[in-house]
Amino acid sequence: MSRLPTHRIRQRSGATLIEVVLTMGILLNLIFGGVEFGYYFFVKNTLVGAARDGVRAAICAGATNTTVNTAVAAQMSAAGLANSGYTVTTTPTDITTSSVGNSITVTVSCTWGTAGRGFRPLSLIGATKTVTASAVMRDEY
């Protein structure tokens, strides 16, 4: 019965360790980059939903800008983004002046640096980037 030389096993384990160290950095960057972009798309999708809820509230009879802001705030709170420094803009500026058949636009925006809990492990997306979403519906009432 012959035995394998032990010096070859040691050389291989050292090479394996170097390979793991070199690839781990790349893998961690890919993972954290994916997490950051995933969180960006979560924030963007939340803003789209908030704008949609705001415009739905705006087209109802007797709606005011306060009604729109309340609908948007409810959506943002449900997603955990209530304190993200978002702004709500409507077109027309005062939706009570809108008449039947006109379009109402609600836009919700915030800067990426204030969005959510600020989870940006690699800071791939600049903190000053504006994340914006709009929704448009026709005034039916």
C-alpha atoms as a PDB file:
ATOM      1  CA  MET A   1       0.000   0.000   0.000  1.00  0.00           C
ATOM      2  CA  SER A   2       1.442   3.368  -0.967  1.00  0.00           C
ATOM      3  CA  ARG A   3       0.723   6.681   0.595  1.00  0.00           C
ATOM      4  CA  LEU A   4       0.310  10.002  -1.158  1.00  0.00           C
ATOM      5  CA  PRO A   5       2.968  12.576  -0.427  1.00  0.00           C
ATOM      6  CA  THR A   6       1.655  15.205   2.010  1.00  0.00           C
ATOM      7  CA  HIS A   7       3.501  18.124   0.441  1.00  0.00           C
ATOM      8  CA  ARG A   8       1.210  18.093  -2.607  1.00  0.00           C
ATOM      9  CA  ILE A   9      -1.903  18.408  -0.451  1.00  0.00           C
ATOM     10  CA  ARG A  10      -0.469  21.434   1.331  1.00  0.00           C
ATOM     11  CA  GLN A  11       0.358  23.155  -1.949  1.00  0.00           C
ATOM     12  CA  ARG A  12      -3.160  22.618  -3.232  1.00  0.00           C
ATOM     13  CA  SER A  13      -4.807  23.950  -0.081  1.00  0.00           C
ATOM     14  CA  GLY A  14      -2.722  27.130  -0.319  1.00  0.00           C
ATOM     15  CA  ALA A  15      -3.739  27.616  -3.932  1.00  0.00           C
ATOM     16  CA  THR A  16      -7.358  27.025  -2.970  1.00  0.00           C
ATOM     17  CA  LEU A  17      -7.158  29.660  -0.270  1.00  0.00           C
ATOM     18  CA  ILE A  18      -5.765  32.207  -2.723  1.00  0.00           C
ATOM     19  CA  GLU A  19      -8.513  31.395  -5.224  1.00  0.00           C
ATOM     20  CA  VAL A  20     -11.185  31.817  -2.563  1.00  0.00           C
ATOM     21  CA  VAL A  21      -9.766  35.167  -1.457  1.00  0.00           C
ATOM     22  CA  LEU A  22      -9.605  36.465  -5.029  1.00  0.00           C
ATOM     23  CA  THR A  23     -13.098  35.360  -5.989  1.00  0.00           C
ATOM     24  CA  MET A  24     -14.733  36.343  -2.683  1.00  0.00           C
ATOM     25  CA  GLY A  25     -14.147  40.047  -3.331  1.00  0.00           C
ATOM     26  CA  ILE A  26     -15.769  39.828  -6.739  1.00  0.00           C
ATOM     27  CA  LEU A  27     -18.696  37.800  -5.422  1.00  0.00           C
ATOM     28  CA  LEU A  28     -19.313  40.176  -2.512  1.00  0.00           C
ATOM     29  CA  ASN A  29     -19.292  43.174  -4.870  1.00  0.00           C
ATOM     30  CA  LEU A  30     -21.801  41.440  -7.126  1.00  0.00           C
ATOM     31  CA  ILE A  31     -24.038  40.537  -4.196  1.00  0.00           C
ATOM     32  CA  PHE A  32     -23.978  43.982  -2.582  1.00  0.00           C
ATOM     33  CA  GLY A  33     -24.440  45.656  -5.977  1.00  0.00           C
ATOM     34  CA  GLY A  34     -27.472  43.463  -6.600  1.00  0.00           C
ATOM     35  CA  VAL A  35     -28.875  44.339  -3.190  1.00  0.00           C
ATOM     36  CA  GLU A  36     -28.390  48.063  -3.804  1.00  0.00           C
ATOM     37  CA  PHE A  37     -30.036  48.008  -7.229  1.00  0.00           C
ATOM     38  CA  GLY A  38     -32.809  45.781  -5.888  1.00  0.00           C
ATOM     39  CA  TYR A  39     -33.499  48.321  -3.153  1.00  0.00           C
ATOM     40  CA  TYR A  40     -33.505  51.113  -5.763  1.00  0.00           C
ATOM     41  CA  PHE A  41     -36.145  49.281  -7.774  1.00  0.00           C
ATOM     42  CA  PHE A  42     -38.159  48.694  -4.589  1.00  0.00           C
ATOM     43  CA  VAL A  43     -38.145  52.449  -3.888  1.00  0.00           C
ATOM     44  CA  LYS A  44     -39.015  53.242  -7.518  1.00  0.00           C
ATOM     45  CA  ASN A  45     -41.894  50.739  -7.496  1.00  0.00           C
ATOM     46  CA  THR A  46     -43.180  52.179  -4.219  1.00  0.00           C
ATOM     47  CA  LEU A  47     -43.174  55.686  -5.707  1.00  0.00           C
ATOM     48  CA  VAL A  48     -45.086  54.408  -8.742  1.00  0.00           C
ATOM     49  CA  GLY A  49     -47.699  52.824  -6.455  1.00  0.00           C
ATOM     50  CA  ALA A  50     -47.952  55.976  -4.359  1.00  0.00           C
ATOM     51  CA  ALA A  51     -48.425  58.167  -7.443  1.00  0.00           C
ATOM     52  CA  ARG A  52     -51.071  55.761  -8.748  1.00  0.00           C
ATOM     53  CA  ASP A  53     -52.962  55.805  -5.437  1.00  0.00           C
ATOM     54  CA  GLY A  54     -52.701  59.584  -5.333  1.00  0.00           C
ATOM     55  CA  VAL A  55     -54.154  60.045  -8.807  1.00  0.00           C
ATOM     56  CA  ARG A  56     -56.949  57.566  -8.037  1.00  0.00           C
ATOM     57  CA  ALA A  57     -57.857  59.685  -5.036  1.00  0.00           C
ATOM     58  CA  ALA A  58     -57.625  62.833  -7.168  1.00  0.00           C
ATOM     59  CA  ILE A  59     -60.205  61.776  -9.763  1.00  0.00           C
ATOM     60  CA  CYS A  60     -62.954  61.156  -7.208  1.00  0.00           C
ATOM     61  CA  ALA A  61     -65.720  63.723  -6.764  1.00  0.00           C
ATOM     62  CA  GLY A  62     -64.877  66.342  -4.154  1.00  0.00           C
ATOM     63  CA  ALA A  63     -61.182  65.426  -4.003  1.00  0.00           C
ATOM     64  CA  THR A  64     -58.667  67.974  -2.770  1.00  0.00           C
ATOM     65  CA  ASN A  65     -54.895  68.134  -2.670  1.00  0.00           C
ATOM     66  CA  THR A  66     -55.096  66.982   0.949  1.00  0.00           C
ATOM     67  CA  THR A  67     -56.904  63.847  -0.216  1.00  0.00           C
ATOM     68  CA  VAL A  68     -54.110  63.165  -2.686  1.00  0.00           C
ATOM     69  CA  ASN A  69     -51.378  63.759  -0.089  1.00  0.00           C
ATOM     70  CA  THR A  70     -53.141  61.442   2.375  1.00  0.00           C
ATOM     71  CA  ALA A  71     -53.364  58.644  -0.215  1.00  0.00           C
ATOM     72  CA  VAL A  72     -49.690  59.037  -1.123  1.00  0.00           C
ATOM     73  CA  ALA A  73     -48.654  59.154   2.550  1.00  0.00           C
ATOM     74  CA  ALA A  74     -50.574  55.954   3.270  1.00  0.00           C
ATOM     75  CA  GLN A  75     -48.761  54.109   0.481  1.00  0.00           C
ATOM     76  CA  MET A  76     -45.363  55.444   1.533  1.00  0.00           C
ATOM     77  CA  SER A  77     -45.987  54.528   5.174  1.00  0.00           C
ATOM     78  CA  ALA A  78     -47.074  51.008   4.219  1.00  0.00           C
ATOM     79  CA  ALA A  79     -43.747  50.534   2.422  1.00  0.00           C
ATOM     80  CA  GLY A  80     -41.720  51.987   5.295  1.00  0.00           C
ATOM     81  CA  LEU A  81     -40.714  55.089   3.335  1.00  0.00           C
ATOM     82  CA  ALA A  82     -42.725  57.677   5.270  1.00  0.00           C
ATOM     83  CA  ASN A  83     -39.643  59.622   6.326  1.00  0.00           C
ATOM     84  CA  SER A  84     -37.886  59.606   2.965  1.00  0.00           C
ATOM     85  CA  GLY A  85     -38.347  63.326   2.279  1.00  0.00           C
ATOM     86  CA  TYR A  86     -40.594  62.743  -0.717  1.00  0.00           C
ATOM     87  CA  THR A  87     -42.527  65.502  -2.476  1.00  0.00           C
ATOM     88  CA  VAL A  88     -45.918  65.299  -4.144  1.00  0.00           C
ATOM     89  CA  THR A  89     -46.792  67.505  -7.110  1.00  0.00           C
ATOM     90  CA  THR A  90     -50.095  67.619  -8.933  1.00  0.00           C
ATOM     91  CA  THR A  91     -51.063  69.002 -12.307  1.00  0.00           C
ATOM     92  CA  PRO A  92     -53.169  71.095 -12.155  1.00  0.00           C
ATOM     93  CA  THR A  93     -51.637  72.502  -8.978  1.00  0.00           C
ATOM     94  CA  ASP A  94     -55.072  72.757  -7.353  1.00  0.00           C
ATOM     95  CA  ILE A  95     -57.041  69.673  -8.407  1.00  0.00           C
ATOM     96  CA  THR A  96     -60.360  71.204  -7.334  1.00  0.00           C
ATOM     97  CA  THR A  97     -60.098  73.417 -10.436  1.00  0.00           C
ATOM     98  CA  SER A  98     -59.961  70.401 -12.770  1.00  0.00           C
ATOM     99  CA  SER A  99     -63.009  69.790 -14.915  1.00  0.00           C
ATOM    100  CA  VAL A 100     -64.424  66.558 -16.313  1.00  0.00           C
ATOM    101  CA  GLY A 101     -62.323  65.166 -19.153  1.00  0.00           C
ATOM    102  CA  ASN A 102     -59.064  66.866 -18.149  1.00  0.00           C
ATOM    103  CA  SER A 103     -56.030  64.860 -17.163  1.00  0.00           C
ATOM    104  CA  ILE A 104     -54.727  64.913 -13.614  1.00  0.00           C
ATOM    105  CA  THR A 105     -51.088  64.053 -13.011  1.00  0.00           C
ATOM    106  CA  VAL A 106     -49.595  63.143  -9.644  1.00  0.00           C
ATOM    107  CA  THR A 107     -45.810  63.015  -9.368  1.00  0.00           C
ATOM    108  CA  VAL A 108     -43.977  61.658  -6.332  1.00  0.00           C
ATOM    109  CA  SER A 109     -40.222  62.161  -6.063  1.00  0.00           C
ATOM    110  CA  CYS A 110     -37.385  61.953  -3.570  1.00  0.00           C
ATOM    111  CA  THR A 111     -33.621  61.939  -3.668  1.00  0.00           C
ATOM    112  CA  TRP A 112     -31.874  58.588  -3.434  1.00  0.00           C
ATOM    113  CA  GLY A 113     -29.821  59.810  -0.477  1.00  0.00           C
ATOM    114  CA  THR A 114     -32.962  60.286   1.651  1.00  0.00           C
ATOM    115  CA  ALA A 115     -34.975  57.317   0.406  1.00  0.00           C
ATOM    116  CA  GLY A 116     -35.830  54.706   2.952  1.00  0.00           C
ATOM    117  CA  ARG A 117     -33.248  53.602   5.427  1.00  0.00           C
ATOM    118  CA  GLY A 118     -30.380  54.727   3.225  1.00  0.00           C
ATOM    119  CA  PHE A 119     -29.154  51.206   2.498  1.00  0.00           C
ATOM    120  CA  ARG A 120     -26.363  51.773  -0.003  1.00  0.00           C
ATOM    121  CA  PRO A 121     -23.531  49.317   0.746  1.00  0.00           C
ATOM    122  CA  LEU A 122     -21.374  50.237  -2.265  1.00  0.00           C
ATOM    123  CA  SER A 123     -22.824  53.680  -3.110  1.00  0.00           C
ATOM    124  CA  LEU A 124     -23.102  52.715  -6.769  1.00  0.00           C
ATOM    125  CA  ILE A 125     -26.065  55.060  -7.215  1.00  0.00           C
ATOM    126  CA  GLY A 126     -25.271  58.667  -6.324  1.00  0.00           C
ATOM    127  CA  ALA A 127     -27.003  60.085  -3.243  1.00  0.00           C
ATOM    128  CA  THR A 128     -28.200  63.122  -5.248  1.00  0.00           C
ATOM    129  CA  LYS A 129     -30.050  61.057  -7.870  1.00  0.00           C
ATOM    130  CA  THR A 130     -33.737  61.916  -7.986  1.00  0.00           C
ATOM    131  CA  VAL A 131     -36.149  58.997  -8.013  1.00  0.00           C
ATOM    132  CA  THR A 132     -39.415  60.084  -9.642  1.00  0.00           C
ATOM    133  CA  ALA A 133     -42.690  58.426 -10.566  1.00  0.00           C
ATOM    134  CA  SER A 134     -45.826  59.858 -12.175  1.00  0.00           C
ATOM    135  CA  ALA A 135     -49.337  58.651 -12.826  1.00  0.00           C
ATOM    136  CA  VAL A 136     -51.965  60.247 -15.076  1.00  0.00           C
ATOM    137  CA  MET A 137     -55.731  59.714 -15.143  1.00  0.00           C
ATOM    138  CA  ARG A 138     -58.621  61.558 -16.666  1.00  0.00           C
ATOM    139  CA  ASP A 139     -60.988  63.394 -14.317  1.00  0.00           C
ATOM    140  CA  GLU A 140     -64.282  61.515 -14.565  1.00  0.00           C
ATOM    141  CA  TYR A 141     -66.423  63.361 -12.009  1.00  0.00           C
END
